[in-house]
Amino acid sequence: MSWATIDQRFAQHLMDAGLITQRDYHKALRMCASMNMPIGSMAYQRSLLTYHDIVRIIDYQVENDLMFGEAAVKLGLLTQQEVDSLLAQQAKLRVSVYDMLVSMGALDRQRLKEEYKLFLKEQVKKDTETVEF
């Protein structure tokens, strides 16, 4: 199961429990999207890529079903070390949707932690119920 799926299932768990609304969740997602910077933008700000480079990378990325950094390296426009540095900076600055929900006042951090533990227990229970030997 992918992290995106787990994340979506946890958000649904919070909505089912009445702790957040769908509107709160989508607002937090939009706010995160506007705050979290793609590595292409970060590379542009560092003068590692030009606008033309970014367009080339995105075209190549879409055509070859690659991540942006992979495409940039394959095209020789960024080194793997540069991509790794950009990804590390991106991760350091990233705001999660749950941090945003707490910042918005839609959810208390302590309750979020408690619900996440409960959610994980439920997921383990569901997973073990479906395993057949």
Foldseek 3Di string as FASTA:
>chain_A
DDPVVVVVVLVVLCVVVVLFPPVLLVVLVVVLVVQQDDLVVVCVVVVLDDPVLQVVLVVQCVVPVHDSLVSCVVVVSDPPVSVVVSVVVSVVRGDDSVNSCVVVVSHPPVVSVVSVVVSVVVVVVVVVVPDDD
